[in-house]
Amino acid sequence: MPLDEALSRVVVDLSGRPGLVFNVPFTRATIGEFDVDLVREFFQGLVNHANITVHIDALRGDNSHHQAETVFKAFARALRMAVEVDPRAAGAIPSTKGSL
């Protein structure tokens, strides 16, 4: 998901197992008064309680605000794709394990 100079990639697997790979080298420690470490903490809590695996990579970016924004936007799109029913699959559950 691009935004200005920032670009992030997020992959979501509704696996039933919690896991987080978070590769976001923020360019500053804060966005205003918001500690950017809380972005990782948010996703760690989410994967632990939702039992999902998420890989997050910030591929480029100079502005921490834009980096964080692309991470959240890319996550939203990846999650939607992970749960969306594929009309070409005749109503099959979008999982190799047969359940979400």
PDB file of N, CA and C in Angstrom:
ATOM      1  N   MET A   1       0.846  -1.165   0.000  1.00  0.00           N
ATOM      2  CA  MET A   1       0.000   0.000   0.000  1.00  0.00           C
ATOM      3  C   MET A   1       0.896   1.234   0.000  1.00  0.00           C
ATOM      4  N   PRO A   2       0.845   2.045  -1.045  1.00  0.00           N
ATOM      5  CA  PRO A   2       1.673   3.247  -1.106  1.00  0.00           C
ATOM      6  C   PRO A   2       0.944   4.468  -0.534  1.00  0.00           C
ATOM      7  N   LEU A   3       1.715   5.391  -0.031  1.00  0.00           N
ATOM      8  CA  LEU A   3       1.216   6.698   0.389  1.00  0.00           C
ATOM      9  C   LEU A   3       2.385   7.650   0.291  1.00  0.00           C
ATOM     10  N   ASP A   4       2.287   8.613  -0.602  1.00  0.00           N
ATOM     11  CA  ASP A   4       3.393   9.539  -0.827  1.00  0.00           C
ATOM     12  C   ASP A   4       4.687   8.752  -1.027  1.00  0.00           C
ATOM     13  N   GLU A   5       5.670   8.936  -0.144  1.00  0.00           N
ATOM     14  CA  GLU A   5       6.966   8.263  -0.319  1.00  0.00           C
ATOM     15  C   GLU A   5       7.029   6.908   0.375  1.00  0.00           C
ATOM     16  N   ALA A   6       5.998   6.527   1.118  1.00  0.00           N
ATOM     17  CA  ALA A   6       6.026   5.300   1.919  1.00  0.00           C
ATOM     18  C   ALA A   6       5.328   4.153   1.195  1.00  0.00           C
ATOM     19  N   LEU A   7       5.810   2.935   1.453  1.00  0.00           N
ATOM     20  CA  LEU A   7       5.244   1.740   0.842  1.00  0.00           C
ATOM     21  C   LEU A   7       5.376   0.590   1.824  1.00  0.00           C
ATOM     22  N   SER A   8       4.267  -0.093   2.103  1.00  0.00           N
ATOM     23  CA  SER A   8       4.278  -1.232   3.011  1.00  0.00           C
ATOM     24  C   SER A   8       3.572  -2.419   2.393  1.00  0.00           C
ATOM     25  N   ARG A   9       3.999  -3.612   2.847  1.00  0.00           N
ATOM     26  CA  ARG A   9       3.378  -4.870   2.412  1.00  0.00           C
ATOM     27  C   ARG A   9       2.964  -5.632   3.667  1.00  0.00           C
ATOM     28  N   VAL A  10       1.733  -6.150   3.650  1.00  0.00           N
ATOM     29  CA  VAL A  10       1.235  -6.948   4.769  1.00  0.00           C
ATOM     30  C   VAL A  10       0.605  -8.212   4.210  1.00  0.00           C
ATOM     31  N   VAL A  11       0.933  -9.339   4.843  1.00  0.00           N
ATOM     32  CA  VAL A  11       0.355 -10.629   4.483  1.00  0.00           C
ATOM     33  C   VAL A  11      -0.308 -11.194   5.730  1.00  0.00           C
ATOM     34  N   VAL A  12      -1.557 -11.645   5.587  1.00  0.00           N
ATOM     35  CA  VAL A  12      -2.334 -12.172   6.702  1.00  0.00           C
ATOM     36  C   VAL A  12      -2.685 -13.627   6.421  1.00  0.00           C
ATOM     37  N   ASP A  13      -2.495 -14.475   7.428  1.00  0.00           N
ATOM     38  CA  ASP A  13      -2.905 -15.877   7.352  1.00  0.00           C
ATOM     39  C   ASP A  13      -3.776 -16.166   8.562  1.00  0.00           C
ATOM     40  N   LEU A  14      -5.035 -16.505   8.311  1.00  0.00           N
ATOM     41  CA  LEU A  14      -5.954 -16.844   9.392  1.00  0.00           C
ATOM     42  C   LEU A  14      -5.715 -18.305   9.757  1.00  0.00           C
ATOM     43  N   SER A  15      -4.592 -18.547  10.376  1.00  0.00           N
ATOM     44  CA  SER A  15      -4.045 -19.884  10.559  1.00  0.00           C
ATOM     45  C   SER A  15      -4.479 -20.570  11.836  1.00  0.00           C
ATOM     46  N   GLY A  16      -5.004 -19.826  12.785  1.00  0.00           N
ATOM     47  CA  GLY A  16      -5.286 -20.408  14.083  1.00  0.00           C
ATOM     48  C   GLY A  16      -4.057 -20.429  14.980  1.00  0.00           C
ATOM     49  N   ARG A  17      -2.966 -19.859  14.509  1.00  0.00           N
ATOM     50  CA  ARG A  17      -1.720 -19.784  15.274  1.00  0.00           C
ATOM     51  C   ARG A  17      -1.252 -18.329  15.294  1.00  0.00           C
ATOM     52  N   PRO A  18      -0.943 -17.796  16.484  1.00  0.00           N
ATOM     53  CA  PRO A  18      -0.474 -16.415  16.534  1.00  0.00           C
ATOM     54  C   PRO A  18       0.975 -16.297  16.083  1.00  0.00           C
ATOM     55  N   GLY A  19       1.246 -15.322  15.266  1.00  0.00           N
ATOM     56  CA  GLY A  19       2.616 -15.054  14.844  1.00  0.00           C
ATOM     57  C   GLY A  19       2.704 -13.674  14.231  1.00  0.00           C
ATOM     58  N   LEU A  20       3.785 -12.984  14.540  1.00  0.00           N
ATOM     59  CA  LEU A  20       3.990 -11.649  13.987  1.00  0.00           C
ATOM     60  C   LEU A  20       5.433 -11.496  13.548  1.00  0.00           C
ATOM     61  N   VAL A  21       5.615 -11.101  12.303  1.00  0.00           N
ATOM     62  CA  VAL A  21       6.912 -10.653  11.798  1.00  0.00           C
ATOM     63  C   VAL A  21       6.712  -9.185  11.469  1.00  0.00           C
ATOM     64  N   PHE A  22       7.442  -8.323  12.158  1.00  0.00           N
ATOM     65  CA  PHE A  22       7.233  -6.881  12.050  1.00  0.00           C
ATOM     66  C   PHE A  22       8.551  -6.228  11.675  1.00  0.00           C
ATOM     67  N   ASN A  23       8.662  -5.828  10.428  1.00  0.00           N
ATOM     68  CA  ASN A  23       9.882  -5.210   9.914  1.00  0.00           C
ATOM     69  C   ASN A  23       9.551  -3.794   9.444  1.00  0.00           C
ATOM     70  N   VAL A  24       9.481  -2.885  10.414  1.00  0.00           N
ATOM     71  CA  VAL A  24       9.155  -1.492  10.129  1.00  0.00           C
ATOM     72  C   VAL A  24      10.197  -0.608  10.800  1.00  0.00           C
ATOM     73  N   PRO A  25      11.209  -0.184  10.055  1.00  0.00           N
ATOM     74  CA  PRO A  25      12.231   0.692  10.629  1.00  0.00           C
ATOM     75  C   PRO A  25      11.766   2.159  10.612  1.00  0.00           C
ATOM     76  N   PHE A  26      10.973   2.512  11.618  1.00  0.00           N
ATOM     77  CA  PHE A  26      10.461   3.882  11.680  1.00  0.00           C
ATOM     78  C   PHE A  26      11.617   4.874  11.680  1.00  0.00           C
ATOM     79  N   THR A  27      11.415   5.992  11.015  1.00  0.00           N
ATOM     80  CA  THR A  27      12.471   6.999  10.897  1.00  0.00           C
ATOM     81  C   THR A  27      12.545   7.911  12.111  1.00  0.00           C
ATOM     82  N   ARG A  28      11.500   7.907  12.954  1.00  0.00           N
ATOM     83  CA  ARG A  28      11.493   8.681  14.200  1.00  0.00           C
ATOM     84  C   ARG A  28      10.865   7.821  15.294  1.00  0.00           C
ATOM     85  N   ALA A  29      11.121   8.164  16.531  1.00  0.00           N
ATOM     86  CA  ALA A  29      10.593   7.411  17.671  1.00  0.00           C
ATOM     87  C   ALA A  29       9.155   7.792  18.011  1.00  0.00           C
ATOM     88  N   THR A  30       8.725   8.962  17.548  1.00  0.00           N
ATOM     89  CA  THR A  30       7.368   9.406  17.848  1.00  0.00           C
ATOM     90  C   THR A  30       6.731  10.041  16.622  1.00  0.00           C
ATOM     91  N   ILE A  31       5.416  10.011  16.625  1.00  0.00           N
ATOM     92  CA  ILE A  31       4.613  10.762  15.664  1.00  0.00           C
ATOM     93  C   ILE A  31       3.828  11.740  16.522  1.00  0.00           C
ATOM     94  N   GLY A  32       4.255  12.978  16.546  1.00  0.00           N
ATOM     95  CA  GLY A  32       3.731  13.913  17.542  1.00  0.00           C
ATOM     96  C   GLY A  32       4.163  13.400  18.904  1.00  0.00           C
ATOM     97  N   GLU A  33       3.195  13.076  19.759  1.00  0.00           N
ATOM     98  CA  GLU A  33       3.514  12.502  21.065  1.00  0.00           C
ATOM     99  C   GLU A  33       3.237  11.001  21.107  1.00  0.00           C
ATOM    100  N   PHE A  34       2.889  10.413  19.975  1.00  0.00           N
ATOM    101  CA  PHE A  34       2.580   8.984  19.891  1.00  0.00           C
ATOM    102  C   PHE A  34       3.868   8.177  19.709  1.00  0.00           C
ATOM    103  N   ASP A  35       4.126   7.252  20.604  1.00  0.00           N
ATOM    104  CA  ASP A  35       5.311   6.394  20.551  1.00  0.00           C
ATOM    105  C   ASP A  35       5.097   5.326  19.475  1.00  0.00           C
ATOM    106  N   VAL A  36       5.942   5.313  18.451  1.00  0.00           N
ATOM    107  CA  VAL A  36       5.747   4.379  17.339  1.00  0.00           C
ATOM    108  C   VAL A  36       5.906   2.920  17.763  1.00  0.00           C
ATOM    109  N   ASP A  37       6.540   2.645  18.915  1.00  0.00           N
ATOM    110  CA  ASP A  37       6.610   1.267  19.416  1.00  0.00           C
ATOM    111  C   ASP A  37       5.222   0.691  19.671  1.00  0.00           C
ATOM    112  N   LEU A  38       4.248   1.557  19.873  1.00  0.00           N
ATOM    113  CA  LEU A  38       2.880   1.087  20.121  1.00  0.00           C
ATOM    114  C   LEU A  38       2.248   0.467  18.886  1.00  0.00           C
ATOM    115  N   VAL A  39       2.743   0.779  17.706  1.00  0.00           N
ATOM    116  CA  VAL A  39       2.220   0.156  16.488  1.00  0.00           C
ATOM    117  C   VAL A  39       2.505  -1.350  16.540  1.00  0.00           C
ATOM    118  N   ARG A  40       3.743  -1.709  16.851  1.00  0.00           N
ATOM    119  CA  ARG A  40       4.091  -3.133  16.967  1.00  0.00           C
ATOM    120  C   ARG A  40       3.301  -3.783  18.103  1.00  0.00           C
ATOM    121  N   GLU A  41       3.174  -3.101  19.223  1.00  0.00           N
ATOM    122  CA  GLU A  41       2.437  -3.652  20.364  1.00  0.00           C
ATOM    123  C   GLU A  41       0.976  -3.917  19.999  1.00  0.00           C
ATOM    124  N   PHE A  42       0.378  -3.022  19.211  1.00  0.00           N
ATOM    125  CA  PHE A  42      -0.993  -3.230  18.749  1.00  0.00           C
ATOM    126  C   PHE A  42      -1.098  -4.526  17.952  1.00  0.00           C
ATOM    127  N   PHE A  43      -0.198  -4.692  16.975  1.00  0.00           N
ATOM    128  CA  PHE A  43      -0.272  -5.887  16.133  1.00  0.00           C
ATOM    129  C   PHE A  43       0.070  -7.158  16.912  1.00  0.00           C
ATOM    130  N   GLN A  44       0.988  -7.068  17.887  1.00  0.00           N
ATOM    131  CA  GLN A  44       1.300  -8.245  18.702  1.00  0.00           C
ATOM    132  C   GLN A  44       0.079  -8.682  19.506  1.00  0.00           C
ATOM    133  N   GLY A  45      -0.618  -7.734  20.098  1.00  0.00           N
ATOM    134  CA  GLY A  45      -1.836  -8.060  20.824  1.00  0.00           C
ATOM    135  C   GLY A  45      -2.911  -8.630  19.914  1.00  0.00           C
ATOM    136  N   LEU A  46      -3.042  -8.060  18.732  1.00  0.00           N
ATOM    137  CA  LEU A  46      -4.037  -8.532  17.777  1.00  0.00           C
ATOM    138  C   LEU A  46      -3.777  -9.975  17.370  1.00  0.00           C
ATOM    139  N   VAL A  47      -2.554 -10.293  16.967  1.00  0.00           N
ATOM    140  CA  VAL A  47      -2.277 -11.657  16.508  1.00  0.00           C
ATOM    141  C   VAL A  47      -2.415 -12.652  17.657  1.00  0.00           C
ATOM    142  N   ASN A  48      -2.012 -12.264  18.862  1.00  0.00           N
ATOM    143  CA  ASN A  48      -2.121 -13.166  20.007  1.00  0.00           C
ATOM    144  C   ASN A  48      -3.568 -13.526  20.324  1.00  0.00           C
ATOM    145  N   HIS A  49      -4.458 -12.557  20.239  1.00  0.00           N
ATOM    146  CA  HIS A  49      -5.852 -12.796  20.609  1.00  0.00           C
ATOM    147  C   HIS A  49      -6.698 -13.312  19.454  1.00  0.00           C
ATOM    148  N   ALA A  50      -6.321 -12.993  18.232  1.00  0.00           N
ATOM    149  CA  ALA A  50      -7.083 -13.457  17.069  1.00  0.00           C
ATOM    150  C   ALA A  50      -6.542 -14.775  16.521  1.00  0.00           C
ATOM    151  N   ASN A  51      -5.393 -15.219  17.028  1.00  0.00           N
ATOM    152  CA  ASN A  51      -4.746 -16.445  16.527  1.00  0.00           C
ATOM    153  C   ASN A  51      -4.546 -16.397  15.021  1.00  0.00           C
ATOM    154  N   ILE A  52      -3.921 -15.317  14.563  1.00  0.00           N
ATOM    155  CA  ILE A  52      -3.593 -15.163  13.153  1.00  0.00           C
ATOM    156  C   ILE A  52      -2.099 -14.905  13.019  1.00  0.00           C
ATOM    157  N   THR A  53      -1.591 -15.124  11.826  1.00  0.00           N
ATOM    158  CA  THR A  53      -0.198 -14.821  11.522  1.00  0.00           C
ATOM    159  C   THR A  53      -0.178 -13.616  10.592  1.00  0.00           C
ATOM    160  N   VAL A  54       0.678 -12.648  10.915  1.00  0.00           N
ATOM    161  CA  VAL A  54       0.765 -11.419  10.125  1.00  0.00           C
ATOM    162  C   VAL A  54       2.238 -11.094   9.889  1.00  0.00           C
ATOM    163  N   HIS A  55       2.570 -10.838   8.638  1.00  0.00           N
ATOM    164  CA  HIS A  55       3.901 -10.350   8.265  1.00  0.00           C
ATOM    165  C   HIS A  55       3.736  -8.918   7.788  1.00  0.00           C
ATOM    166  N   ILE A  56       4.513  -8.016   8.367  1.00  0.00           N
ATOM    167  CA  ILE A  56       4.437  -6.595   8.025  1.00  0.00           C
ATOM    168  C   ILE A  56       5.825  -6.112   7.653  1.00  0.00           C
ATOM    169  N   ASP A  57       5.944  -5.565   6.446  1.00  0.00           N
ATOM    170  CA  ASP A  57       7.207  -5.018   5.969  1.00  0.00           C
ATOM    171  C   ASP A  57       6.987  -3.618   5.430  1.00  0.00           C
ATOM    172  N   ALA A  58       7.704  -2.642   5.992  1.00  0.00           N
ATOM    173  CA  ALA A  58       7.732  -1.296   5.418  1.00  0.00           C
ATOM    174  C   ALA A  58       8.874  -1.303   4.409  1.00  0.00           C
ATOM    175  N   LEU A  59       8.529  -1.194   3.154  1.00  0.00           N
ATOM    176  CA  LEU A  59       9.525  -1.315   2.091  1.00  0.00           C
ATOM    177  C   LEU A  59      10.290  -0.025   1.853  1.00  0.00           C
ATOM    178  N   ARG A  60       9.631   1.108   2.114  1.00  0.00           N
ATOM    179  CA  ARG A  60      10.323   2.397   2.017  1.00  0.00           C
ATOM    180  C   ARG A  60       9.489   3.450   2.718  1.00  0.00           C
ATOM    181  N   GLY A  61      10.125   4.550   3.026  1.00  0.00           N
ATOM    182  CA  GLY A  61       9.427   5.663   3.649  1.00  0.00           C
ATOM    183  C   GLY A  61      10.370   6.528   4.451  1.00  0.00           C
ATOM    184  N   ASP A  62      10.143   7.840   4.385  1.00  0.00           N
ATOM    185  CA  ASP A  62      10.951   8.814   5.112  1.00  0.00           C
ATOM    186  C   ASP A  62      10.186   9.474   6.248  1.00  0.00           C
ATOM    187  N   ASN A  63       8.887   9.317   6.255  1.00  0.00           N
ATOM    188  CA  ASN A  63       8.027   9.993   7.210  1.00  0.00           C
ATOM    189  C   ASN A  63       7.337   8.933   8.065  1.00  0.00           C
ATOM    190  N   SER A  64       7.582   8.945   9.380  1.00  0.00           N
ATOM    191  CA  SER A  64       7.009   7.926  10.269  1.00  0.00           C
ATOM    192  C   SER A  64       5.492   7.899  10.216  1.00  0.00           C
ATOM    193  N   HIS A  65       4.867   9.057  10.094  1.00  0.00           N
ATOM    194  CA  HIS A  65       3.403   9.115   9.989  1.00  0.00           C
ATOM    195  C   HIS A  65       2.947   8.338   8.760  1.00  0.00           C
ATOM    196  N   HIS A  66       3.588   8.556   7.624  1.00  0.00           N
ATOM    197  CA  HIS A  66       3.220   7.856   6.398  1.00  0.00           C
ATOM    198  C   HIS A  66       3.532   6.363   6.510  1.00  0.00           C
ATOM    199  N   GLN A  67       4.647   6.016   7.148  1.00  0.00           N
ATOM    200  CA  GLN A  67       4.977   4.599   7.344  1.00  0.00           C
ATOM    201  C   GLN A  67       3.873   3.905   8.137  1.00  0.00           C
ATOM    202  N   ALA A  68       3.465   4.504   9.257  1.00  0.00           N
ATOM    203  CA  ALA A  68       2.417   3.903  10.084  1.00  0.00           C
ATOM    204  C   ALA A  68       1.104   3.815   9.319  1.00  0.00           C
ATOM    205  N   GLU A  69       0.777   4.859   8.590  1.00  0.00           N
ATOM    206  CA  GLU A  69      -0.481   4.870   7.841  1.00  0.00           C
ATOM    207  C   GLU A  69      -0.507   3.774   6.783  1.00  0.00           C
ATOM    208  N   THR A  70       0.605   3.569   6.081  1.00  0.00           N
ATOM    209  CA  THR A  70       0.612   2.507   5.066  1.00  0.00           C
ATOM    210  C   THR A  70       0.526   1.127   5.697  1.00  0.00           C
ATOM    211  N   VAL A  71       1.112   0.955   6.882  1.00  0.00           N
ATOM    212  CA  VAL A  71       1.012  -0.335   7.573  1.00  0.00           C
ATOM    213  C   VAL A  71      -0.444  -0.651   7.890  1.00  0.00           C
ATOM    214  N   PHE A  72      -1.169   0.298   8.467  1.00  0.00           N
ATOM    215  CA  PHE A  72      -2.562   0.048   8.826  1.00  0.00           C
ATOM    216  C   PHE A  72      -3.451  -0.125   7.597  1.00  0.00           C
ATOM    217  N   LYS A  73      -3.210   0.665   6.562  1.00  0.00           N
ATOM    218  CA  LYS A  73      -4.006   0.517   5.334  1.00  0.00           C
ATOM    219  C   LYS A  73      -3.730  -0.821   4.661  1.00  0.00           C
ATOM    220  N   ALA A  74      -2.473  -1.212   4.593  1.00  0.00           N
ATOM    221  CA  ALA A  74      -2.124  -2.492   3.976  1.00  0.00           C
ATOM    222  C   ALA A  74      -2.690  -3.650   4.790  1.00  0.00           C
ATOM    223  N   PHE A  75      -2.667  -3.533   6.131  1.00  0.00           N
ATOM    224  CA  PHE A  75      -3.253  -4.578   6.965  1.00  0.00           C
ATOM    225  C   PHE A  75      -4.752  -4.715   6.692  1.00  0.00           C
ATOM    226  N   ALA A  76      -5.460  -3.600   6.611  1.00  0.00           N
ATOM    227  CA  ALA A  76      -6.903  -3.644   6.359  1.00  0.00           C
ATOM    228  C   ALA A  76      -7.206  -4.330   5.034  1.00  0.00           C
ATOM    229  N   ARG A  77      -6.445  -4.010   4.012  1.00  0.00           N
ATOM    230  CA  ARG A  77      -6.668  -4.635   2.700  1.00  0.00           C
ATOM    231  C   ARG A  77      -6.332  -6.122   2.724  1.00  0.00           C
ATOM    232  N   ALA A  78      -5.240  -6.474   3.384  1.00  0.00           N
ATOM    233  CA  ALA A  78      -4.841  -7.889   3.454  1.00  0.00           C
ATOM    234  C   ALA A  78      -5.867  -8.694   4.237  1.00  0.00           C
ATOM    235  N   LEU A  79      -6.384  -8.143   5.330  1.00  0.00           N
ATOM    236  CA  LEU A  79      -7.395  -8.846   6.109  1.00  0.00           C
ATOM    237  C   LEU A  79      -8.666  -9.033   5.295  1.00  0.00           C
ATOM    238  N   ARG A  80      -9.075  -7.992   4.593  1.00  0.00           N
ATOM    239  CA  ARG A  80     -10.267  -8.118   3.746  1.00  0.00           C
ATOM    240  C   ARG A  80     -10.084  -9.212   2.700  1.00  0.00           C
ATOM    241  N   MET A  81      -8.912  -9.253   2.087  1.00  0.00           N
ATOM    242  CA  MET A  81      -8.654 -10.283   1.083  1.00  0.00           C
ATOM    243  C   MET A  81      -8.643 -11.678   1.704  1.00  0.00           C
ATOM    244  N   ALA A  82      -8.170 -11.784   2.945  1.00  0.00           N
ATOM    245  CA  ALA A  82      -8.080 -13.084   3.606  1.00  0.00           C
ATOM    246  C   ALA A  82      -9.454 -13.660   3.941  1.00  0.00           C
ATOM    247  N   VAL A  83     -10.431 -12.807   4.180  1.00  0.00           N
ATOM    248  CA  VAL A  83     -11.753 -13.308   4.581  1.00  0.00           C
ATOM    249  C   VAL A  83     -12.795 -13.222   3.478  1.00  0.00           C
ATOM    250  N   GLU A  84     -12.478 -12.555   2.395  1.00  0.00           N
ATOM    251  CA  GLU A  84     -13.442 -12.352   1.318  1.00  0.00           C
ATOM    252  C   GLU A  84     -13.713 -13.653   0.570  1.00  0.00           C
ATOM    253  N   VAL A  85     -14.976 -13.924   0.356  1.00  0.00           N
ATOM    254  CA  VAL A  85     -15.359 -15.097  -0.418  1.00  0.00           C
ATOM    255  C   VAL A  85     -15.053 -14.841  -1.886  1.00  0.00           C
ATOM    256  N   ASP A  86     -14.387 -15.782  -2.514  1.00  0.00           N
ATOM    257  CA  ASP A  86     -14.035 -15.682  -3.928  1.00  0.00           C
ATOM    258  C   ASP A  86     -15.196 -16.224  -4.748  1.00  0.00           C
ATOM    259  N   PRO A  87     -15.873 -15.380  -5.537  1.00  0.00           N
ATOM    260  CA  PRO A  87     -17.016 -15.856  -6.317  1.00  0.00           C
ATOM    261  C   PRO A  87     -16.628 -16.939  -7.318  1.00  0.00           C
ATOM    262  N   ARG A  88     -15.367 -17.001  -7.686  1.00  0.00           N
ATOM    263  CA  ARG A  88     -14.919 -18.047  -8.626  1.00  0.00           C
ATOM    264  C   ARG A  88     -14.778 -19.399  -7.940  1.00  0.00           C
ATOM    265  N   ALA A  89     -14.790 -19.418  -6.605  1.00  0.00           N
ATOM    266  CA  ALA A  89     -14.598 -20.668  -5.865  1.00  0.00           C
ATOM    267  C   ALA A  89     -15.921 -21.272  -5.402  1.00  0.00           C
ATOM    268  N   ALA A  90     -17.018 -20.848  -5.977  1.00  0.00           N
ATOM    269  CA  ALA A  90     -18.348 -21.402  -5.709  1.00  0.00           C
ATOM    270  C   ALA A  90     -18.668 -21.482  -4.221  1.00  0.00           C
ATOM    271  N   GLY A  91     -18.382 -20.395  -3.487  1.00  0.00           N
ATOM    272  CA  GLY A  91     -18.737 -20.343  -2.079  1.00  0.00           C
ATOM    273  C   GLY A  91     -17.825 -21.117  -1.145  1.00  0.00           C
ATOM    274  N   ALA A  92     -16.711 -21.627  -1.642  1.00  0.00           N
ATOM    275  CA  ALA A  92     -15.779 -22.358  -0.789  1.00  0.00           C
ATOM    276  C   ALA A  92     -15.131 -21.420   0.217  1.00  0.00           C
ATOM    277  N   ILE A  93     -14.782 -21.957   1.354  1.00  0.00           N
ATOM    278  CA  ILE A  93     -14.093 -21.166   2.384  1.00  0.00           C
ATOM    279  C   ILE A  93     -12.677 -20.891   1.894  1.00  0.00           C
ATOM    280  N   PRO A  94     -12.213 -19.618   1.982  1.00  0.00           N
ATOM    281  CA  PRO A  94     -10.885 -19.273   1.465  1.00  0.00           C
ATOM    282  C   PRO A  94      -9.749 -19.734   2.402  1.00  0.00           C
ATOM    283  N   SER A  95      -9.638 -21.042   2.567  1.00  0.00           N
ATOM    284  CA  SER A  95      -8.627 -21.599   3.461  1.00  0.00           C
ATOM    285  C   SER A  95      -8.212 -22.970   2.973  1.00  0.00           C
ATOM    286  N   THR A  96      -6.936 -23.269   3.056  1.00  0.00           N
ATOM    287  CA  THR A  96      -6.477 -24.616   2.708  1.00  0.00           C
ATOM    288  C   THR A  96      -6.834 -25.610   3.799  1.00  0.00           C
ATOM    289  N   LYS A  97      -7.162 -25.117   4.993  1.00  0.00           N
ATOM    290  CA  LYS A  97      -7.533 -25.986   6.102  1.00  0.00           C
ATOM    291  C   LYS A  97      -9.040 -26.205   6.198  1.00  0.00           C
ATOM    292  N   GLY A  98      -9.810 -25.463   5.388  1.00  0.00           N
ATOM    293  CA  GLY A  98     -11.245 -25.653   5.348  1.00  0.00           C
ATOM    294  C   GLY A  98     -12.049 -24.888   6.386  1.00  0.00           C
ATOM    295  N   SER A  99     -11.388 -24.038   7.171  1.00  0.00           N
ATOM    296  CA  SER A  99     -12.117 -23.230   8.155  1.00  0.00           C
ATOM    297  C   SER A  99     -11.379 -21.929   8.384  1.00  0.00           C
ATOM    298  N   LEU A 100     -12.117 -20.955   8.888  1.00  0.00           N
ATOM    299  CA  LEU A 100     -11.530 -19.666   9.259  1.00  0.00           C
ATOM    300  C   LEU A 100     -11.680 -19.483  10.758  1.00  0.00           C
TER     301      LEU A 100
END
